[in-house]
Amino acid sequence: MLAGMRNRFSRRTETSGDPFVDALRGALSPERVKFDGAHRSLHSHDASVFDGGNSGPVVYPETTAEVQAVVRLANDYDRNVVPRGAGTGLAGGAIPLGAPVVVAVTRMNAVLEIDPINMVAWVEPGVINLDLTKHLQPFGFHFAPDPSSQQVCTIGGNVANNSGGPHCLAYGVTNAHVVALEVVLPSGDVVMLGGLEAEPQGLDLRGVFVGSEGTLGITTRVAVRLTKNRPEVRTLLLSFATVSDAANTVSGVIAAGIVPAAMEVMDQRITQAVENYVGAGYPLDAAAVLLAEVDGLADGVDIDADRIAEIGRANGATAVRLAESDQERALLWKGRKTAFGAIAQIAPDYYLHDTVVPRSALAGVLEEIYAIADRHDLLIMNVFHAGDGNLHPLIIFDARHEGVLDRVHAAGADIITASLDAGGVLSGEHGIGVEKQQYMERMFSADDLDHQNRLRQGFDPGCRTNPGKVIPSGHSCADIQSLRAVPNEVWG
């Protein structure tokens, strides 16, 4: 069968042009349909450490009608499609399998409407996360989900992965901030999921779609909920002699009934890298630091900040520092948000993991992660959303060293096992993609996976949209092994 596919597409590319590519160029414009090796190679990868992507034509639609036309042509020519934003995903969710059409929505990047009265904005999927917040500043609002990649990641990508970020402890992840979605279904039909009314009728298909990793359709417009800027903010930096003391402080704060806007922990290795990179004023001798932030009315935030400091000291905090100005606060957060760039001082490559464990298990799982690093002879730094137990172990390596990627993937598997054994879950915000697909059977029963696949087929009966992702072999409507076996030269 694969040989037949090879011959069929080879014959096409030997003529004046591939009929499908020509049809795409007619539906969009020739300059927005890329079929050269450079574009296809670039779009065969995302920001993850996972290989095996194989892109077909890359298209850049600018309207919902153009996305609809691409999907309908893909159906006519029996081709699959993969939606793509900025390609910053870390679980391989945007890696195209089986040479599909890659639908890059980066040119759909307009903020269409801002309604400050109803606290909603309509945006296109290619809008950059941080650009949206900057656009909202004059109105006194911001978009609450703030992934560390917010300077480059798109709202469409946030929707696909139900992204979080440091300030989602109090405000919730993307699903809590999406009111409605315009979606091009795999059939080519355009539907509206959710709505602006307080209680939309029917099933919550909006909630189903957010976090579906591009397997249910392509987002073309998003109604996002706006979050009002709080009048007062207090940001604390607590230093600790052990990572366990920092983790125990986090549990103590939540147990005391305080829900900060954010609580982020960084261990000594990443703290030192950040300080060398940014000069944010982080202590170099602390085994761990806790960045905690509370917001609201002045009296309330002062009380909460004092209580967090007390709980920290009771759990062994060696120093507590309160940011004295907006500039100091911004610099502390710049250090946290640029942590992953800072490790370039140490090694050229990293694998940023993502699991979630109960807060009560944080200290024990972190100790196990350091043991995993020693076992595989790797350097692991820890920086994570401590308030909700969302771990982000950062495995640092140099891919040029023979065999190191095997050790990296083995360590990643051990981290997943340790997290699940502690009562955790596979992902907090990066998604399943191809990274954690094989572990889905550890977390879900066969019936669970069967129902997930049935839900998917309710949207996508032919399993054409981002096939081969999330649901593992044996439970998926896609033939994952065949998708992975399609050769790079299938398009010539």
Protein backbone atom coordinates (compact mmCIF):
# COMPACT_ATOMS: atom_id res chain seq x y z
CA MET A 1 0.00 0.00 0.00
CA LEU A 2 2.77 2.45 0.94
CA ALA A 3 4.62 1.60 -2.26
CA GLY A 4 1.46 2.44 -4.17
CA MET A 5 1.20 5.75 -2.36
CA ARG A 6 4.83 6.50 -3.21
CA ASN A 7 4.30 5.77 -6.88
CA ARG A 8 1.02 7.67 -7.07
CA PHE A 9 2.42 10.87 -5.55
CA SER A 10 5.72 10.56 -7.41
CA ARG A 11 3.85 10.47 -10.71
CA ARG A 12 2.00 13.62 -9.71
CA THR A 13 5.08 15.60 -8.84
CA GLU A 14 6.75 14.60 -12.10
CA THR A 15 4.00 16.42 -14.02
CA SER A 16 3.48 20.20 -14.15
CA GLY A 17 2.16 20.15 -10.59
CA ASP A 18 0.31 18.10 -8.02
CA PRO A 19 -3.48 18.49 -8.59
CA PHE A 20 -4.18 18.86 -4.89
CA VAL A 21 -1.49 21.51 -4.40
CA ASP A 22 -2.79 23.33 -7.48
CA ALA A 23 -6.30 23.24 -6.01
CA LEU A 24 -5.02 24.66 -2.71
CA ARG A 25 -3.26 27.47 -4.57
CA GLY A 26 -6.49 28.24 -6.37
CA ALA A 27 -8.42 28.37 -3.10
CA LEU A 28 -5.90 30.63 -1.34
CA SER A 29 -3.14 32.15 -3.45
CA PRO A 30 0.10 30.60 -4.73
CA GLU A 31 2.30 32.50 -2.26
CA ARG A 32 0.29 31.15 0.70
CA VAL A 33 0.69 27.49 -0.26
CA LYS A 34 4.23 26.28 0.37
CA PHE A 35 5.37 22.98 -1.09
CA ASP A 36 9.15 23.32 -1.03
CA GLY A 37 11.38 21.14 1.10
CA ALA A 38 12.41 23.95 3.45
CA HIS A 39 8.88 24.84 4.52
CA ARG A 40 7.84 21.21 4.81
CA SER A 41 10.91 20.38 6.89
CA LEU A 42 10.35 23.38 9.18
CA HIS A 43 6.74 22.41 9.79
CA SER A 44 7.60 18.75 10.43
CA HIS A 45 8.78 19.67 13.94
CA ASP A 46 7.58 21.58 16.97
CA ALA A 47 9.46 22.67 20.11
CA SER A 48 9.49 19.15 21.54
CA VAL A 49 12.30 16.58 21.42
CA PHE A 50 10.16 14.16 19.41
CA ASP A 51 10.98 13.24 15.83
CA GLY A 52 9.01 11.50 13.10
CA GLY A 53 7.09 14.43 11.65
CA ASN A 54 6.44 14.49 7.92
CA SER A 55 4.67 17.51 6.48
CA GLY A 56 2.76 17.75 3.23
CA PRO A 57 1.87 21.16 1.78
CA VAL A 58 1.85 24.06 4.25
CA VAL A 59 -0.99 26.54 3.86
CA TYR A 60 -1.50 29.97 5.42
CA PRO A 61 -5.21 30.84 5.40
CA GLU A 62 -6.34 34.31 6.42
CA THR A 63 -10.10 33.79 6.83
CA THR A 64 -12.54 31.21 8.11
CA ALA A 65 -13.74 30.68 4.53
CA GLU A 66 -10.20 29.83 3.44
CA VAL A 67 -9.77 27.31 6.28
CA GLN A 68 -13.10 25.80 5.26
CA ALA A 69 -11.95 25.58 1.63
CA VAL A 70 -8.70 23.84 2.63
CA VAL A 71 -10.54 21.27 4.75
CA ARG A 72 -13.07 20.55 2.01
CA LEU A 73 -10.31 20.12 -0.57
CA ALA A 74 -8.46 17.78 1.78
CA ASN A 75 -11.61 15.67 1.99
CA ASP A 76 -12.02 15.72 -1.79
CA TYR A 77 -8.43 14.55 -2.30
CA ASP A 78 -8.40 12.09 0.61
CA ARG A 79 -5.77 13.98 2.61
CA ASN A 80 -5.45 14.60 6.35
CA VAL A 81 -4.96 18.01 7.97
CA VAL A 82 -3.01 19.23 11.00
CA PRO A 83 -3.71 22.67 12.51
CA ARG A 84 -0.66 24.59 13.71
CA GLY A 85 -0.06 27.80 15.63
CA ALA A 86 3.41 28.98 16.61
CA GLY A 87 4.79 25.43 16.95
CA THR A 88 5.85 26.00 20.57
CA GLY A 89 4.20 22.80 21.83
CA LEU A 90 6.34 20.48 23.92
CA ALA A 91 4.45 17.19 23.59
CA GLY A 92 4.69 16.71 19.83
CA GLY A 93 1.07 17.71 19.30
CA ALA A 94 1.82 19.75 16.19
CA ILE A 95 4.13 17.19 14.57
CA PRO A 96 2.38 16.12 11.34
CA LEU A 97 2.20 12.35 10.88
CA GLY A 98 1.59 10.76 7.48
CA ALA A 99 2.36 13.82 5.29
CA PRO A 100 -0.87 15.76 5.95
CA VAL A 101 -1.68 19.33 4.95
CA VAL A 102 -0.37 21.67 7.68
CA VAL A 103 -2.84 24.50 8.25
CA ALA A 104 -0.78 27.30 9.82
CA VAL A 105 -3.12 29.92 11.30
CA THR A 106 -0.41 32.47 12.15
CA ARG A 107 -1.76 34.99 9.61
CA MET A 108 -5.14 34.95 11.33
CA ASN A 109 -3.83 37.27 14.04
CA ALA A 110 -6.36 40.06 14.52
CA VAL A 111 -8.04 41.20 17.72
CA LEU A 112 -11.48 41.55 16.21
CA GLU A 113 -13.58 43.10 18.96
CA ILE A 114 -13.23 44.15 22.60
CA ASP A 115 -16.35 44.41 24.75
CA PRO A 116 -15.26 45.86 28.12
CA ILE A 117 -18.84 45.98 29.40
CA ASN A 118 -19.39 42.24 29.05
CA MET A 119 -15.66 41.54 29.58
CA VAL A 120 -15.24 39.54 26.36
CA ALA A 121 -12.99 39.90 23.33
CA TRP A 122 -13.20 38.14 19.96
CA VAL A 123 -9.78 37.19 18.59
CA GLU A 124 -8.37 35.10 15.79
CA PRO A 125 -6.35 31.98 16.66
CA GLY A 126 -2.99 33.37 15.52
CA VAL A 127 -2.98 36.21 18.07
CA ILE A 128 0.08 35.97 20.33
CA ASN A 129 -0.84 35.46 23.99
CA LEU A 130 1.21 38.38 25.35
CA ASP A 131 0.14 40.65 22.48
CA LEU A 132 -3.47 40.16 23.55
CA THR A 133 -2.71 41.25 27.12
CA LYS A 134 -0.81 44.29 25.82
CA HIS A 135 -3.76 45.13 23.58
CA LEU A 136 -6.09 44.97 26.60
CA GLN A 137 -4.00 47.14 28.93
CA PRO A 138 -5.63 50.47 28.00
CA PHE A 139 -8.99 48.94 28.94
CA GLY A 140 -7.78 47.78 32.36
CA PHE A 141 -7.92 44.06 31.51
CA HIS A 142 -5.61 41.16 30.71
CA PHE A 143 -5.84 37.57 29.48
CA ALA A 144 -5.21 35.44 32.56
CA PRO A 145 -3.55 32.28 31.13
CA ASP A 146 0.15 33.17 30.91
CA PRO A 147 2.33 30.24 29.76
CA SER A 148 6.07 30.77 29.97
CA SER A 149 6.02 30.85 26.16
CA GLN A 150 3.45 33.67 26.15
CA GLN A 151 5.72 35.95 24.12
CA VAL A 152 5.39 33.58 21.14
CA CYS A 153 2.55 31.08 21.70
CA THR A 154 -0.85 31.71 20.11
CA ILE A 155 -4.37 31.78 21.50
CA GLY A 156 -5.26 28.92 19.15
CA GLY A 157 -2.44 26.86 20.61
CA ASN A 158 -3.57 27.75 24.13
CA VAL A 159 -7.04 26.48 23.23
CA ALA A 160 -5.64 23.27 21.74
CA ASN A 161 -3.63 22.37 24.84
CA ASN A 162 -5.77 24.05 27.52
CA SER A 163 -2.63 25.92 28.53
CA GLY A 164 -1.97 27.21 32.01
CA GLY A 165 0.81 29.34 33.44
CA PRO A 166 1.96 30.74 36.77
CA HIS A 167 -1.14 32.87 37.38
CA CYS A 168 -3.62 30.09 36.68
CA LEU A 169 -3.53 28.96 40.32
CA ALA A 170 -6.19 31.51 41.24
CA TYR A 171 -7.67 32.24 37.84
CA GLY A 172 -7.79 28.84 36.13
CA VAL A 173 -6.41 27.49 32.87
CA THR A 174 -7.53 28.38 29.34
CA ASN A 175 -10.83 26.49 29.54
CA ALA A 176 -12.01 28.91 32.22
CA HIS A 177 -11.30 31.87 29.93
CA VAL A 178 -12.86 30.75 26.65
CA VAL A 179 -16.52 31.63 26.23
CA ALA A 180 -17.15 30.53 22.66
CA LEU A 181 -15.31 29.12 19.65
CA GLU A 182 -15.88 29.29 15.93
CA VAL A 183 -14.59 26.00 14.53
CA VAL A 184 -14.20 24.45 11.09
CA LEU A 185 -15.12 20.81 11.62
CA PRO A 186 -13.35 17.97 9.76
CA SER A 187 -16.39 17.84 7.46
CA GLY A 188 -15.72 21.41 6.37
CA ASP A 189 -18.79 22.77 8.17
CA VAL A 190 -18.43 25.86 10.35
CA VAL A 191 -20.00 25.74 13.82
CA MET A 192 -20.11 27.89 16.94
CA LEU A 193 -19.36 26.05 20.19
CA GLY A 194 -20.49 27.72 23.39
CA GLY A 195 -21.90 31.23 23.38
CA LEU A 196 -21.92 34.61 25.06
CA GLU A 197 -25.04 33.93 27.10
CA ALA A 198 -24.56 32.99 30.76
CA GLU A 199 -25.82 29.42 30.33
CA PRO A 200 -25.60 28.23 26.69
CA GLN A 201 -28.09 25.50 25.89
CA GLY A 202 -27.11 21.92 25.12
CA LEU A 203 -23.94 19.97 25.76
CA ASP A 204 -20.75 21.81 26.66
CA LEU A 205 -19.00 21.11 23.36
CA ARG A 206 -16.87 24.20 23.93
CA GLY A 207 -15.41 22.52 27.01
CA VAL A 208 -14.84 19.33 25.04
CA PHE A 209 -13.02 21.19 22.27
CA VAL A 210 -10.65 23.14 24.53
CA GLY A 211 -7.72 20.82 25.19
CA SER A 212 -8.51 18.45 22.31
CA GLU A 213 -5.10 19.14 20.74
CA GLY A 214 -6.36 19.82 17.25
CA THR A 215 -8.07 16.44 16.86
CA LEU A 216 -11.65 17.75 16.66
CA GLY A 217 -11.35 20.61 14.18
CA ILE A 218 -9.64 23.94 13.51
CA THR A 219 -10.29 27.04 15.60
CA THR A 220 -10.92 30.18 13.53
CA ARG A 221 -12.31 32.64 16.11
CA VAL A 222 -12.24 32.68 19.91
CA ALA A 223 -14.32 34.66 22.38
CA VAL A 224 -12.05 35.04 25.42
CA ARG A 225 -13.05 36.16 28.88
CA LEU A 226 -11.27 39.30 30.06
CA THR A 227 -9.82 39.51 33.56
CA LYS A 228 -9.83 42.89 35.27
CA ASN A 229 -6.46 44.11 36.49
CA ARG A 230 -6.35 43.98 40.28
CA PRO A 231 -5.75 47.26 42.15
CA GLU A 232 -2.91 45.97 44.33
CA VAL A 233 -0.29 43.25 43.94
CA ARG A 234 2.28 41.92 46.42
CA THR A 235 5.11 39.68 45.27
CA LEU A 236 7.32 37.78 47.68
CA LEU A 237 10.53 35.84 47.15
CA LEU A 238 11.21 33.24 49.84
CA SER A 239 14.52 31.36 50.09
CA PHE A 240 14.94 27.85 51.51
CA ALA A 241 17.71 25.49 52.51
CA THR A 242 15.92 22.52 50.89
CA VAL A 243 13.46 22.02 48.04
CA SER A 244 11.25 20.06 50.45
CA ASP A 245 10.90 23.11 52.71
CA ALA A 246 9.70 25.16 49.73
CA ALA A 247 7.22 22.44 48.72
CA ASN A 248 5.93 22.14 52.29
CA THR A 249 5.42 25.90 52.42
CA VAL A 250 3.22 25.70 49.34
CA SER A 251 1.07 23.04 50.98
CA GLY A 252 0.93 25.10 54.16
CA VAL A 253 -0.25 28.21 52.34
CA ILE A 254 -3.11 26.38 50.63
CA ALA A 255 -4.01 24.57 53.85
CA ALA A 256 -4.32 27.98 55.53
CA GLY A 257 -7.07 28.91 53.09
CA ILE A 258 -4.95 31.33 51.06
CA VAL A 259 -5.18 31.08 47.27
CA PRO A 260 -2.41 33.26 45.83
CA ALA A 261 -2.46 34.42 42.23
CA ALA A 262 0.74 32.41 41.72
CA MET A 263 3.23 30.21 43.57
CA GLU A 264 6.31 29.16 41.62
CA VAL A 265 9.28 27.13 42.89
CA MET A 266 12.75 27.02 41.32
CA ASP A 267 15.60 24.89 42.61
CA GLN A 268 19.17 26.11 43.08
CA ARG A 269 20.48 25.05 39.70
CA ILE A 270 17.85 26.88 37.69
CA THR A 271 17.93 29.85 40.07
CA GLN A 272 21.65 30.28 39.52
CA ALA A 273 21.21 30.02 35.73
CA VAL A 274 18.43 32.61 35.80
CA GLU A 275 20.40 35.01 37.96
CA ASN A 276 23.43 34.77 35.69
CA TYR A 277 21.15 35.37 32.70
CA VAL A 278 18.83 38.14 33.94
CA GLY A 279 20.26 39.55 37.18
CA ALA A 280 16.87 39.57 38.87
CA GLY A 281 18.28 39.49 42.39
CA TYR A 282 17.70 35.82 43.12
CA PRO A 283 19.87 34.35 45.90
CA LEU A 284 22.60 32.05 44.58
CA ASP A 285 23.05 30.08 47.80
CA ALA A 286 19.43 28.98 48.34
CA ALA A 287 18.54 25.37 47.58
CA ALA A 288 15.16 26.60 46.37
CA VAL A 289 13.18 29.82 46.02
CA LEU A 290 9.42 30.33 46.13
CA LEU A 291 7.94 33.20 44.14
CA ALA A 292 4.50 33.93 45.61
CA GLU A 293 2.09 36.62 44.48
CA VAL A 294 -1.22 37.84 45.89
CA ASP A 295 -3.52 40.43 44.36
CA GLY A 296 -6.71 42.26 45.25
CA LEU A 297 -7.55 45.12 47.61
CA ALA A 298 -4.68 46.68 49.55
CA ASP A 299 -5.66 45.54 53.05
CA GLY A 300 -6.34 41.99 51.93
CA VAL A 301 -3.11 41.54 50.00
CA ASP A 302 -1.05 42.91 52.88
CA ILE A 303 -2.65 40.41 55.26
CA ASP A 304 -2.11 37.50 52.85
CA ALA A 305 1.49 38.50 52.14
CA ASP A 306 2.24 38.62 55.87
CA ARG A 307 0.64 35.20 56.40
CA ILE A 308 2.62 33.65 53.52
CA ALA A 309 5.82 35.04 55.03
CA GLU A 310 4.91 33.56 58.43
CA ILE A 311 4.12 30.15 56.94
CA GLY A 312 7.38 30.24 55.00
CA ARG A 313 9.41 31.00 58.12
CA ALA A 314 7.60 28.26 60.01
CA ASN A 315 8.72 25.86 57.25
CA GLY A 316 12.36 26.92 57.36
CA ALA A 317 12.54 29.93 55.05
CA THR A 318 15.99 31.46 55.42
CA ALA A 319 14.96 34.81 53.90
CA VAL A 320 11.76 36.55 52.86
CA ARG A 321 11.81 39.50 50.48
CA LEU A 322 8.89 41.67 49.38
CA ALA A 323 9.19 43.41 46.03
CA GLU A 324 9.19 47.14 46.78
CA SER A 325 8.20 48.41 43.33
CA ASP A 326 6.54 47.41 40.08
CA GLN A 327 9.97 47.37 38.48
CA GLU A 328 11.35 44.94 41.08
CA ARG A 329 8.27 42.75 40.74
CA ALA A 330 8.59 42.73 36.94
CA LEU A 331 12.24 41.75 37.19
CA LEU A 332 11.48 38.82 39.49
CA TRP A 333 8.88 37.58 37.02
CA LYS A 334 11.21 38.15 34.09
CA GLY A 335 13.62 35.76 35.78
CA ARG A 336 10.91 33.11 36.15
CA LYS A 337 9.55 33.54 32.61
CA THR A 338 13.02 33.34 31.01
CA ALA A 339 14.15 30.30 33.00
CA PHE A 340 14.12 28.02 29.98
CA GLY A 341 16.18 30.39 27.88
CA ALA A 342 18.69 30.73 30.71
CA ILE A 343 19.80 27.12 30.49
CA ALA A 344 21.49 27.81 27.13
CA GLN A 345 24.47 28.83 29.28
CA ILE A 346 24.74 25.21 30.40
CA ALA A 347 23.82 23.05 27.39
CA PRO A 348 22.25 23.60 23.96
CA ASP A 349 19.22 21.33 24.41
CA TYR A 350 16.52 20.68 26.97
CA TYR A 351 13.42 18.57 27.45
CA LEU A 352 10.77 20.33 29.51
CA HIS A 353 8.53 17.75 31.13
CA ASP A 354 4.99 18.23 32.43
CA THR A 355 3.12 16.14 34.99
CA VAL A 356 0.85 16.97 37.93
CA VAL A 357 1.01 15.45 41.41
CA PRO A 358 -0.97 16.13 44.60
CA ARG A 359 0.57 18.98 46.59
CA SER A 360 1.07 16.61 49.49
CA ALA A 361 3.31 14.45 47.26
CA LEU A 362 5.45 17.29 45.88
CA ALA A 363 8.43 16.85 48.18
CA GLY A 364 8.63 13.07 47.71
CA VAL A 365 8.26 13.20 43.93
CA LEU A 366 10.91 15.91 43.65
CA GLU A 367 13.36 13.75 45.58
CA GLU A 368 12.59 10.87 43.22
CA ILE A 369 13.20 13.12 40.20
CA TYR A 370 16.68 13.98 41.46
CA ALA A 371 17.31 10.23 41.92
CA ILE A 372 16.13 9.63 38.34
CA ALA A 373 18.64 12.22 37.12
CA ASP A 374 21.47 10.44 38.93
CA ARG A 375 20.33 7.05 37.65
CA HIS A 376 20.45 8.19 34.03
CA ASP A 377 23.53 10.40 34.43
CA LEU A 378 21.62 13.54 33.46
CA LEU A 379 21.25 17.07 34.79
CA ILE A 380 17.68 17.88 35.84
CA MET A 381 16.55 21.27 37.12
CA ASN A 382 13.15 21.83 38.66
CA VAL A 383 10.93 24.83 38.05
CA PHE A 384 7.20 24.39 38.48
CA HIS A 385 3.73 25.73 39.22
CA ALA A 386 3.87 24.62 42.83
CA GLY A 387 0.42 25.83 43.83
CA ASP A 388 -1.40 23.25 41.72
CA GLY A 389 1.31 20.57 41.76
CA ASN A 390 2.19 21.04 38.08
CA LEU A 391 5.80 19.84 37.80
CA HIS A 392 8.13 20.93 35.01
CA PRO A 393 11.40 18.99 35.39
CA LEU A 394 13.91 20.43 32.94
CA ILE A 395 16.29 17.81 31.53
CA ILE A 396 19.43 19.53 30.23
CA PHE A 397 21.55 17.78 27.57
CA ASP A 398 23.61 18.07 24.41
CA ALA A 399 21.98 16.12 21.59
CA ARG A 400 25.32 15.82 19.81
CA HIS A 401 26.48 13.28 22.38
CA GLU A 402 25.81 9.73 21.23
CA GLY A 403 23.08 7.92 23.16
CA VAL A 404 22.04 10.91 25.27
CA LEU A 405 18.54 11.13 23.75
CA ASP A 406 17.87 7.53 24.76
CA ARG A 407 18.77 8.42 28.35
CA VAL A 408 16.63 11.56 28.19
CA HIS A 409 13.56 9.63 27.04
CA ALA A 410 14.19 6.91 29.64
CA ALA A 411 14.37 9.55 32.38
CA GLY A 412 11.17 11.13 31.06
CA ALA A 413 9.42 7.78 31.28
CA ASP A 414 10.59 7.34 34.87
CA ILE A 415 9.26 10.80 35.78
CA ILE A 416 5.85 9.87 34.38
CA THR A 417 5.87 6.62 36.36
CA ALA A 418 6.83 8.39 39.58
CA SER A 419 4.10 10.99 39.08
CA LEU A 420 1.38 8.44 38.35
CA ASP A 421 2.47 6.27 41.26
CA ALA A 422 2.05 9.31 43.52
CA GLY A 423 -1.56 9.72 42.40
CA GLY A 424 -0.79 12.30 39.72
CA VAL A 425 -1.84 12.75 36.10
CA LEU A 426 -0.01 12.82 32.79
CA SER A 427 -0.18 16.51 31.93
CA GLY A 428 -1.10 19.84 33.39
CA GLU A 429 -0.85 22.01 30.28
CA HIS A 430 1.46 20.62 27.58
CA GLY A 431 -1.00 17.98 26.43
CA ILE A 432 -0.56 14.34 25.46
CA GLY A 433 0.48 14.65 21.80
CA VAL A 434 2.87 11.82 20.99
CA GLU A 435 4.92 12.30 24.15
CA LYS A 436 2.56 10.62 26.60
CA GLN A 437 0.36 8.68 24.22
CA GLN A 438 1.79 5.31 25.22
CA TYR A 439 1.06 6.03 28.90
CA MET A 440 -2.63 6.74 28.43
CA GLU A 441 -3.42 3.10 29.19
CA ARG A 442 -1.79 3.50 32.60
CA MET A 443 -4.15 6.31 33.49
CA PHE A 444 -7.34 5.26 31.70
CA SER A 445 -9.19 1.97 31.35
CA ALA A 446 -9.93 0.40 27.98
CA ASP A 447 -13.54 1.62 28.30
CA ASP A 448 -12.33 5.15 29.04
CA LEU A 449 -10.17 5.18 25.93
CA ASP A 450 -12.93 3.65 23.83
CA HIS A 451 -15.30 6.45 24.85
CA GLN A 452 -12.66 9.08 24.14
CA ASN A 453 -12.24 7.63 20.66
CA ARG A 454 -16.02 7.58 20.12
CA LEU A 455 -16.19 11.22 21.13
CA ARG A 456 -13.46 12.02 18.66
CA GLN A 457 -15.26 10.18 15.88
CA GLY A 458 -18.39 12.16 16.70
CA PHE A 459 -16.50 15.21 15.47
CA ASP A 460 -14.22 13.47 12.98
CA PRO A 461 -15.64 10.17 11.65
CA GLY A 462 -12.75 9.71 9.24
CA CYS A 463 -10.06 10.52 11.80
CA ARG A 464 -8.58 13.09 9.39
CA THR A 465 -7.69 15.95 11.73
CA ASN A 466 -4.32 15.64 13.49
CA PRO A 467 -4.46 11.83 13.25
CA GLY A 468 -2.21 9.65 15.35
CA LYS A 469 -2.24 11.85 18.45
CA VAL A 470 -3.43 11.52 22.06
CA ILE A 471 -5.32 8.19 21.93
CA PRO A 472 -2.92 5.22 21.77
CA SER A 473 -2.74 2.41 19.23
CA GLY A 474 -5.40 -0.21 19.73
CA HIS A 475 -7.93 2.38 20.86
CA SER A 476 -7.60 5.03 18.15
CA CYS A 477 -9.54 5.36 14.92
CA ALA A 478 -6.21 6.22 13.26
CA ASP A 479 -3.74 3.60 12.09
CA ILE A 480 -0.83 5.17 13.95
CA GLN A 481 1.82 2.74 12.72
CA SER A 482 0.89 3.36 9.09
CA LEU A 483 1.01 7.11 9.63
CA ARG A 484 4.50 6.86 11.07
CA ALA A 485 5.59 4.64 8.18
CA VAL A 486 4.73 7.12 5.41
CA PRO A 487 8.10 8.03 3.83
CA ASN A 488 9.39 11.58 3.54
CA GLU A 489 9.40 11.36 -0.23
CA VAL A 490 5.66 10.65 -0.46
CA TRP A 491 5.16 14.16 -1.87
CA GLY A 492 8.20 13.97 -4.10
